[in-house]
Amino acid sequence: MRGRAPAGRPAVALAAGLLVSALCLIHATGAEATETLTGVVLSSNTVLLEGAVVALEGIGSVTSDAAGRFAFRDVSPGNYRLTVSKQGFPDDKRLILVQAGRLNTVRVVMAGPAARASTPTAIGVPIIQQGGGIYVWGQVNERVKTLFLVDTGATLCVLTKATADRLGLASSPASTTVKIRTASGAIEALLIMVDLIQVGGAEARSVDAVVHDLPGSPPAVGGILGLSFLNQFKVEIDPEEGVMLLTR
């Protein structure tokens, strides 16, 4: 029988060697501390809204992507006015607080429903079950194919240092160091932006990830598929059928 994962809750309990959570941005000594503000824009009937213009007072404006997501980087801590505009909806205006050393996120629900796609696309991805974990094959930036551990408890995706090195992502001067919590305690890791992650026929762009090795994982494993990828889909994992369904 297929188990369904309600929004924001894991489909199955997964054993993972690394849980990425409680992010705390750490910046170079002597530089002004800045933070990242991320968010998602959706309608009152939970349709993700692409093309919404999100303006942060004193910083600038960005446009939400196909998954309704937006991000502002290098934002100084403090109070800001956020205005979200989308054709067919009244503007959403709110005051927000960007806090130092926190994962700053905002969920903007516009007043009014939006039309849903006539037929949601469900993609079946074969899974490998081993040692209590669930793995899938994926490709990063259309260059490196690797095995991912699926972890619905990980806030971000993870790439091992070897995988990041092959992609040229492990030594970017623009990267930020973050503090992550693992099974063995808090450590610092490199926060990167992955242009494209493809799993089966499903893909996500501009995916946040950290670079960190995974001790005890099979040699073929090059990373963890966390919520920065999985939250862009409705996820259903059916261990009996050996498949993970990703629906958008």
C-alpha atoms as a PDB file:
ATOM      1  CA  MET A   1       0.000   0.000   0.000  1.00  0.00           C
ATOM      2  CA  ARG A   2       1.394   3.402  -0.924  1.00  0.00           C
ATOM      3  CA  GLY A   3       2.050   5.788   1.948  1.00  0.00           C
ATOM      4  CA  ARG A   4       1.493   9.463   1.331  1.00  0.00           C
ATOM      5  CA  ALA A   5       3.543  12.159   2.934  1.00  0.00           C
ATOM      6  CA  PRO A   6       1.429  15.113   4.102  1.00  0.00           C
ATOM      7  CA  ALA A   7       2.943  18.505   3.393  1.00  0.00           C
ATOM      8  CA  GLY A   8       5.858  19.177   5.728  1.00  0.00           C
ATOM      9  CA  ARG A   9       5.924  15.612   7.163  1.00  0.00           C
ATOM     10  CA  PRO A  10       8.178  12.736   6.157  1.00  0.00           C
ATOM     11  CA  ALA A  11       6.737   9.850   4.154  1.00  0.00           C
ATOM     12  CA  VAL A  12       8.866   7.303   6.002  1.00  0.00           C
ATOM     13  CA  ALA A  13      11.255   7.457   8.922  1.00  0.00           C
ATOM     14  CA  LEU A  14      14.730   7.402   7.392  1.00  0.00           C
ATOM     15  CA  ALA A  15      17.962   6.572   9.182  1.00  0.00           C
ATOM     16  CA  ALA A  16      20.487   9.227   8.210  1.00  0.00           C
ATOM     17  CA  GLY A  17      24.022   9.812   9.365  1.00  0.00           C
ATOM     18  CA  LEU A  18      23.669  13.566   8.984  1.00  0.00           C
ATOM     19  CA  LEU A  19      20.769  15.843   9.857  1.00  0.00           C
ATOM     20  CA  VAL A  20      21.260  19.341   8.536  1.00  0.00           C
ATOM     21  CA  SER A  21      19.352  21.865  10.620  1.00  0.00           C
ATOM     22  CA  ALA A  22      19.586  24.888  12.879  1.00  0.00           C
ATOM     23  CA  LEU A  23      21.622  26.906  10.393  1.00  0.00           C
ATOM     24  CA  CYS A  24      23.694  29.758  11.711  1.00  0.00           C
ATOM     25  CA  LEU A  25      25.553  31.899   9.176  1.00  0.00           C
ATOM     26  CA  ILE A  26      29.145  32.688  10.044  1.00  0.00           C
ATOM     27  CA  HIS A  27      30.952  35.468   8.218  1.00  0.00           C
ATOM     28  CA  ALA A  28      34.570  36.467   7.840  1.00  0.00           C
ATOM     29  CA  THR A  29      36.071  38.342  10.767  1.00  0.00           C
ATOM     30  CA  GLY A  30      36.052  42.082  10.266  1.00  0.00           C
ATOM     31  CA  ALA A  31      33.278  42.032   7.640  1.00  0.00           C
ATOM     32  CA  GLU A  32      29.784  43.304   8.361  1.00  0.00           C
ATOM     33  CA  ALA A  33      27.537  40.376   9.240  1.00  0.00           C
ATOM     34  CA  THR A  34      24.894  39.791   6.584  1.00  0.00           C
ATOM     35  CA  GLU A  35      22.173  37.203   6.297  1.00  0.00           C
ATOM     36  CA  THR A  36      20.091  35.412   3.675  1.00  0.00           C
ATOM     37  CA  LEU A  37      16.317  35.819   3.495  1.00  0.00           C
ATOM     38  CA  THR A  38      14.419  33.145   1.583  1.00  0.00           C
ATOM     39  CA  GLY A  39      10.730  32.561   1.058  1.00  0.00           C
ATOM     40  CA  VAL A  40       7.909  31.136  -1.001  1.00  0.00           C
ATOM     41  CA  VAL A  41       4.833  32.767  -2.566  1.00  0.00           C
ATOM     42  CA  LEU A  42       1.587  30.841  -2.945  1.00  0.00           C
ATOM     43  CA  SER A  43      -2.120  31.446  -3.421  1.00  0.00           C
ATOM     44  CA  SER A  44      -4.838  30.874  -0.836  1.00  0.00           C
ATOM     45  CA  ASN A  45      -5.457  27.419  -2.371  1.00  0.00           C
ATOM     46  CA  THR A  46      -1.718  26.577  -2.057  1.00  0.00           C
ATOM     47  CA  VAL A  47      -0.737  26.962  -5.716  1.00  0.00           C
ATOM     48  CA  LEU A  48       2.925  27.986  -5.949  1.00  0.00           C
ATOM     49  CA  LEU A  49       3.113  31.327  -7.751  1.00  0.00           C
ATOM     50  CA  GLU A  50       5.776  32.008 -10.360  1.00  0.00           C
ATOM     51  CA  GLY A  51       6.562  35.553 -11.465  1.00  0.00           C
ATOM     52  CA  ALA A  52       5.589  37.361  -8.265  1.00  0.00           C
ATOM     53  CA  VAL A  53       7.679  40.507  -7.733  1.00  0.00           C
ATOM     54  CA  VAL A  54       9.110  40.550  -4.209  1.00  0.00           C
ATOM     55  CA  ALA A  55      10.511  43.884  -3.026  1.00  0.00           C
ATOM     56  CA  LEU A  56      12.569  44.293   0.147  1.00  0.00           C
ATOM     57  CA  GLU A  57      12.721  47.935   1.203  1.00  0.00           C
ATOM     58  CA  GLY A  58      16.215  49.364   0.858  1.00  0.00           C
ATOM     59  CA  ILE A  59      17.584  46.183  -0.751  1.00  0.00           C
ATOM     60  CA  GLY A  60      15.862  45.679  -4.116  1.00  0.00           C
ATOM     61  CA  SER A  61      13.445  43.281  -5.773  1.00  0.00           C
ATOM     62  CA  VAL A  62      13.490  39.722  -7.136  1.00  0.00           C
ATOM     63  CA  THR A  63      10.994  37.510  -8.965  1.00  0.00           C
ATOM     64  CA  SER A  64       9.707  34.187  -7.645  1.00  0.00           C
ATOM     65  CA  ASP A  65      10.694  31.112  -9.650  1.00  0.00           C
ATOM     66  CA  ALA A  66       8.553  28.209 -10.937  1.00  0.00           C
ATOM     67  CA  ALA A  67       8.449  26.752  -7.420  1.00  0.00           C
ATOM     68  CA  GLY A  68       7.300  30.085  -5.961  1.00  0.00           C
ATOM     69  CA  ARG A  69      10.675  30.606  -4.248  1.00  0.00           C
ATOM     70  CA  PHE A  70      12.711  33.779  -3.853  1.00  0.00           C
ATOM     71  CA  ALA A  71      15.892  34.774  -2.044  1.00  0.00           C
ATOM     72  CA  PHE A  72      17.730  37.905  -0.944  1.00  0.00           C
ATOM     73  CA  ARG A  73      21.386  37.520   0.004  1.00  0.00           C
ATOM     74  CA  ASP A  74      23.745  39.805   1.908  1.00  0.00           C
ATOM     75  CA  VAL A  75      20.964  41.397   3.962  1.00  0.00           C
ATOM     76  CA  SER A  76      22.004  43.201   7.155  1.00  0.00           C
ATOM     77  CA  PRO A  77      20.034  42.195  10.271  1.00  0.00           C
ATOM     78  CA  GLY A  78      17.141  44.514  11.061  1.00  0.00           C
ATOM     79  CA  ASN A  79      13.519  45.370  10.305  1.00  0.00           C
ATOM     80  CA  TYR A  80      12.344  45.627   6.692  1.00  0.00           C
ATOM     81  CA  ARG A  81       9.129  46.181   4.757  1.00  0.00           C
ATOM     82  CA  LEU A  82       8.415  43.335   2.312  1.00  0.00           C
ATOM     83  CA  THR A  83       5.985  43.899  -0.565  1.00  0.00           C
ATOM     84  CA  VAL A  84       4.847  41.079  -2.868  1.00  0.00           C
ATOM     85  CA  SER A  85       2.991  41.882  -6.106  1.00  0.00           C
ATOM     86  CA  LYS A  86       1.404  39.443  -8.528  1.00  0.00           C
ATOM     87  CA  GLN A  87      -1.058  40.184 -11.331  1.00  0.00           C
ATOM     88  CA  GLY A  88      -4.563  39.151 -10.298  1.00  0.00           C
ATOM     89  CA  PHE A  89      -3.856  39.482  -6.560  1.00  0.00           C
ATOM     90  CA  PRO A  90      -3.826  42.427  -4.155  1.00  0.00           C
ATOM     91  CA  ASP A  91      -0.353  43.363  -2.962  1.00  0.00           C
ATOM     92  CA  ASP A  92       0.845  41.680   0.217  1.00  0.00           C
ATOM     93  CA  LYS A  93       2.715  44.098   2.496  1.00  0.00           C
ATOM     94  CA  ARG A  94       4.304  43.136   5.783  1.00  0.00           C
ATOM     95  CA  LEU A  95       7.084  44.039   8.204  1.00  0.00           C
ATOM     96  CA  ILE A  96       9.701  41.359   8.731  1.00  0.00           C
ATOM     97  CA  LEU A  97      12.692  40.976  11.027  1.00  0.00           C
ATOM     98  CA  VAL A  98      15.949  39.614   9.630  1.00  0.00           C
ATOM     99  CA  GLN A  99      17.867  38.132  12.554  1.00  0.00           C
ATOM    100  CA  ALA A 100      21.580  37.484  12.832  1.00  0.00           C
ATOM    101  CA  GLY A 101      22.659  33.866  13.001  1.00  0.00           C
ATOM    102  CA  ARG A 102      19.250  32.502  12.014  1.00  0.00           C
ATOM    103  CA  LEU A 103      17.702  30.805   9.004  1.00  0.00           C
ATOM    104  CA  ASN A 104      15.383  33.653   7.931  1.00  0.00           C
ATOM    105  CA  THR A 105      12.408  32.426   5.906  1.00  0.00           C
ATOM    106  CA  VAL A 106       8.991  33.868   5.074  1.00  0.00           C
ATOM    107  CA  ARG A 107       5.863  32.235   3.653  1.00  0.00           C
ATOM    108  CA  VAL A 108       3.658  34.647   1.700  1.00  0.00           C
ATOM    109  CA  VAL A 109       0.066  33.546   1.064  1.00  0.00           C
ATOM    110  CA  MET A 110      -1.593  35.909  -1.412  1.00  0.00           C
ATOM    111  CA  ALA A 111      -5.280  36.726  -0.968  1.00  0.00           C
ATOM    112  CA  GLY A 112      -7.252  34.720  -3.505  1.00  0.00           C
ATOM    113  CA  PRO A 113      -7.063  31.360  -5.304  1.00  0.00           C
ATOM    114  CA  ALA A 114      -5.119  30.514  -8.456  1.00  0.00           C
ATOM    115  CA  ALA A 115      -5.848  28.066 -11.244  1.00  0.00           C
ATOM    116  CA  ARG A 116      -4.193  24.688 -10.817  1.00  0.00           C
ATOM    117  CA  ALA A 117      -2.408  22.849 -13.554  1.00  0.00           C
ATOM    118  CA  SER A 118      -4.871  20.517 -15.266  1.00  0.00           C
ATOM    119  CA  THR A 119      -2.747  17.414 -14.772  1.00  0.00           C
ATOM    120  CA  PRO A 120       0.009  17.277 -12.142  1.00  0.00           C
ATOM    121  CA  THR A 121       3.095  15.501 -13.415  1.00  0.00           C
ATOM    122  CA  ALA A 122       4.189  12.529 -11.300  1.00  0.00           C
ATOM    123  CA  ILE A 123       7.650  11.086 -11.910  1.00  0.00           C
ATOM    124  CA  GLY A 124       8.553   7.661 -10.580  1.00  0.00           C
ATOM    125  CA  VAL A 125      12.150   7.328  -9.396  1.00  0.00           C
ATOM    126  CA  PRO A 126      13.527   3.840  -8.596  1.00  0.00           C
ATOM    127  CA  ILE A 127      14.887   3.591  -5.050  1.00  0.00           C
ATOM    128  CA  ILE A 128      17.613   1.424  -3.560  1.00  0.00           C
ATOM    129  CA  GLN A 129      17.005   0.237  -0.002  1.00  0.00           C
ATOM    130  CA  GLN A 130      20.127  -0.586   1.955  1.00  0.00           C
ATOM    131  CA  GLY A 131      20.941  -0.626   5.655  1.00  0.00           C
ATOM    132  CA  GLY A 132      17.765   1.198   6.645  1.00  0.00           C
ATOM    133  CA  GLY A 133      18.402   4.001   4.160  1.00  0.00           C
ATOM    134  CA  ILE A 134      16.787   4.887   0.846  1.00  0.00           C
ATOM    135  CA  TYR A 135      19.000   5.927  -2.072  1.00  0.00           C
ATOM    136  CA  VAL A 136      18.368   7.291  -5.571  1.00  0.00           C
ATOM    137  CA  TRP A 137      20.617   8.056  -8.508  1.00  0.00           C
ATOM    138  CA  GLY A 138      20.872  11.720  -9.451  1.00  0.00           C
ATOM    139  CA  GLN A 139      22.887  14.094 -11.581  1.00  0.00           C
ATOM    140  CA  VAL A 140      24.341  17.432 -10.522  1.00  0.00           C
ATOM    141  CA  ASN A 141      24.769  20.335 -12.949  1.00  0.00           C
ATOM    142  CA  GLU A 142      24.420  17.879 -15.857  1.00  0.00           C
ATOM    143  CA  ARG A 143      28.000  16.758 -15.164  1.00  0.00           C
ATOM    144  CA  VAL A 144      28.309  14.410 -12.204  1.00  0.00           C
ATOM    145  CA  LYS A 145      26.124  11.348 -11.650  1.00  0.00           C
ATOM    146  CA  THR A 146      26.068  10.111  -8.077  1.00  0.00           C
ATOM    147  CA  LEU A 147      24.016   8.195  -5.519  1.00  0.00           C
ATOM    148  CA  PHE A 148      22.010  10.304  -3.041  1.00  0.00           C
ATOM    149  CA  LEU A 149      20.706   9.293   0.366  1.00  0.00           C
ATOM    150  CA  VAL A 150      17.086  10.499   0.614  1.00  0.00           C
ATOM    151  CA  ASP A 151      16.659  12.262   3.956  1.00  0.00           C
ATOM    152  CA  THR A 152      13.391  14.070   4.691  1.00  0.00           C
ATOM    153  CA  GLY A 153      14.893  15.238   7.996  1.00  0.00           C
ATOM    154  CA  ALA A 154      17.735  17.177   6.371  1.00  0.00           C
ATOM    155  CA  THR A 155      17.022  20.878   5.862  1.00  0.00           C
ATOM    156  CA  LEU A 156      19.508  21.148   3.008  1.00  0.00           C
ATOM    157  CA  CYS A 157      21.014  18.906   0.386  1.00  0.00           C
ATOM    158  CA  VAL A 158      24.594  17.776   0.983  1.00  0.00           C
ATOM    159  CA  LEU A 159      27.453  17.131  -1.444  1.00  0.00           C
ATOM    160  CA  THR A 160      30.571  15.320  -0.340  1.00  0.00           C
ATOM    161  CA  LYS A 161      33.836  17.197  -0.817  1.00  0.00           C
ATOM    162  CA  ALA A 162      34.839  14.813  -3.606  1.00  0.00           C
ATOM    163  CA  THR A 163      31.587  15.495  -5.472  1.00  0.00           C
ATOM    164  CA  ALA A 164      31.879  19.252  -4.944  1.00  0.00           C
ATOM    165  CA  ASP A 165      35.511  19.161  -6.135  1.00  0.00           C
ATOM    166  CA  ARG A 166      34.501  17.416  -9.366  1.00  0.00           C
ATOM    167  CA  LEU A 167      31.981  20.203  -9.969  1.00  0.00           C
ATOM    168  CA  GLY A 168      34.364  23.006  -9.027  1.00  0.00           C
ATOM    169  CA  LEU A 169      32.091  24.065  -6.166  1.00  0.00           C
ATOM    170  CA  ALA A 170      34.328  23.364  -3.173  1.00  0.00           C
ATOM    171  CA  SER A 171      36.533  26.447  -3.446  1.00  0.00           C
ATOM    172  CA  SER A 172      34.219  29.267  -4.520  1.00  0.00           C
ATOM    173  CA  PRO A 173      35.377  32.572  -2.930  1.00  0.00           C
ATOM    174  CA  ALA A 174      31.762  33.746  -2.761  1.00  0.00           C
ATOM    175  CA  SER A 175      30.638  30.776  -0.661  1.00  0.00           C
ATOM    176  CA  THR A 176      29.486  31.211   2.934  1.00  0.00           C
ATOM    177  CA  THR A 177      30.441  29.121   5.935  1.00  0.00           C
ATOM    178  CA  VAL A 178      27.522  27.813   7.996  1.00  0.00           C
ATOM    179  CA  LYS A 179      27.176  25.865  11.188  1.00  0.00           C
ATOM    180  CA  ILE A 180      25.276  22.571  10.876  1.00  0.00           C
ATOM    181  CA  ARG A 181      24.200  20.059  13.469  1.00  0.00           C
ATOM    182  CA  THR A 182      25.204  16.445  12.867  1.00  0.00           C
ATOM    183  CA  ALA A 183      24.832  13.255  14.871  1.00  0.00           C
ATOM    184  CA  SER A 184      28.273  13.931  16.391  1.00  0.00           C
ATOM    185  CA  GLY A 185      27.684  17.614  17.178  1.00  0.00           C
ATOM    186  CA  ALA A 186      27.818  21.037  15.531  1.00  0.00           C
ATOM    187  CA  ILE A 187      30.384  21.640  12.796  1.00  0.00           C
ATOM    188  CA  GLU A 188      31.116  24.282  10.157  1.00  0.00           C
ATOM    189  CA  ALA A 189      30.507  23.571   6.464  1.00  0.00           C
ATOM    190  CA  LEU A 190      30.538  25.417   3.161  1.00  0.00           C
ATOM    191  CA  LEU A 191      27.120  26.645   1.924  1.00  0.00           C
ATOM    192  CA  ILE A 192      26.856  26.534  -1.885  1.00  0.00           C
ATOM    193  CA  MET A 193      24.214  27.050  -4.549  1.00  0.00           C
ATOM    194  CA  VAL A 194      23.793  24.126  -6.960  1.00  0.00           C
ATOM    195  CA  ASP A 195      22.498  25.226 -10.350  1.00  0.00           C
ATOM    196  CA  LEU A 196      20.675  21.982 -11.183  1.00  0.00           C
ATOM    197  CA  ILE A 197      19.900  18.640  -9.509  1.00  0.00           C
ATOM    198  CA  GLN A 198      18.130  15.987 -11.607  1.00  0.00           C
ATOM    199  CA  VAL A 199      16.629  12.811 -10.177  1.00  0.00           C
ATOM    200  CA  GLY A 200      14.968  10.609 -12.756  1.00  0.00           C
ATOM    201  CA  GLY A 201      12.960  13.031 -14.879  1.00  0.00           C
ATOM    202  CA  ALA A 202      12.489  15.488 -12.003  1.00  0.00           C
ATOM    203  CA  GLU A 203      14.729  18.506 -11.658  1.00  0.00           C
ATOM    204  CA  ALA A 204      15.215  21.484  -9.357  1.00  0.00           C
ATOM    205  CA  ARG A 205      17.281  24.588  -9.976  1.00  0.00           C
ATOM    206  CA  SER A 206      19.165  26.920  -7.639  1.00  0.00           C
ATOM    207  CA  VAL A 207      19.261  24.381  -4.810  1.00  0.00           C
ATOM    208  CA  ASP A 208      20.975  25.318  -1.537  1.00  0.00           C
ATOM    209  CA  ALA A 209      23.425  22.675  -0.303  1.00  0.00           C
ATOM    210  CA  VAL A 210      26.372  22.240   2.039  1.00  0.00           C
ATOM    211  CA  VAL A 211      29.687  20.501   1.432  1.00  0.00           C
ATOM    212  CA  HIS A 212      30.372  17.796   3.997  1.00  0.00           C
ATOM    213  CA  ASP A 213      31.645  14.228   3.906  1.00  0.00           C
ATOM    214  CA  LEU A 214      29.409  11.342   5.006  1.00  0.00           C
ATOM    215  CA  PRO A 215      31.429   8.907   7.141  1.00  0.00           C
ATOM    216  CA  GLY A 216      30.161   5.334   7.014  1.00  0.00           C
ATOM    217  CA  SER A 217      28.203   5.812   3.789  1.00  0.00           C
ATOM    218  CA  PRO A 218      28.716   3.452   0.811  1.00  0.00           C
ATOM    219  CA  PRO A 219      31.538   4.662  -1.491  1.00  0.00           C
ATOM    220  CA  ALA A 220      29.104   5.428  -4.345  1.00  0.00           C
ATOM    221  CA  VAL A 221      27.155   7.940  -2.234  1.00  0.00           C
ATOM    222  CA  GLY A 222      28.027  11.496  -3.215  1.00  0.00           C
ATOM    223  CA  GLY A 223      25.480  13.399  -1.175  1.00  0.00           C
ATOM    224  CA  ILE A 224      22.158  13.713   0.620  1.00  0.00           C
ATOM    225  CA  LEU A 225      18.884  14.690  -1.042  1.00  0.00           C
ATOM    226  CA  GLY A 226      17.371  16.999   1.572  1.00  0.00           C
ATOM    227  CA  LEU A 227      14.399  19.321   1.795  1.00  0.00           C
ATOM    228  CA  SER A 228      15.949  22.092  -0.310  1.00  0.00           C
ATOM    229  CA  PHE A 229      15.261  19.679  -3.214  1.00  0.00           C
ATOM    230  CA  LEU A 230      12.364  17.565  -1.901  1.00  0.00           C
ATOM    231  CA  ASN A 231      10.196  20.523  -0.824  1.00  0.00           C
ATOM    232  CA  GLN A 232       9.818  21.480  -4.477  1.00  0.00           C
ATOM    233  CA  PHE A 233       7.675  18.377  -4.997  1.00  0.00           C
ATOM    234  CA  LYS A 234       4.967  16.323  -3.388  1.00  0.00           C
ATOM    235  CA  VAL A 235       6.936  13.267  -2.258  1.00  0.00           C
ATOM    236  CA  GLU A 236       5.560   9.735  -1.933  1.00  0.00           C
ATOM    237  CA  ILE A 237       7.836   6.822  -1.091  1.00  0.00           C
ATOM    238  CA  ASP A 238       6.571   3.295  -1.640  1.00  0.00           C
ATOM    239  CA  PRO A 239       9.141   0.820  -0.262  1.00  0.00           C
ATOM    240  CA  GLU A 240       7.093  -2.183  -1.402  1.00  0.00           C
ATOM    241  CA  GLU A 241       7.034  -1.017  -5.018  1.00  0.00           C
ATOM    242  CA  GLY A 242      10.593   0.294  -4.786  1.00  0.00           C
ATOM    243  CA  VAL A 243       9.729   3.742  -6.115  1.00  0.00           C
ATOM    244  CA  MET A 244       9.682   7.386  -5.016  1.00  0.00           C
ATOM    245  CA  LEU A 245       7.030   9.525  -6.708  1.00  0.00           C
ATOM    246  CA  LEU A 246       7.849  13.207  -7.202  1.00  0.00           C
ATOM    247  CA  THR A 247       4.827  15.280  -8.260  1.00  0.00           C
ATOM    248  CA  ARG A 248       4.836  18.934  -9.213  1.00  0.00           C
END
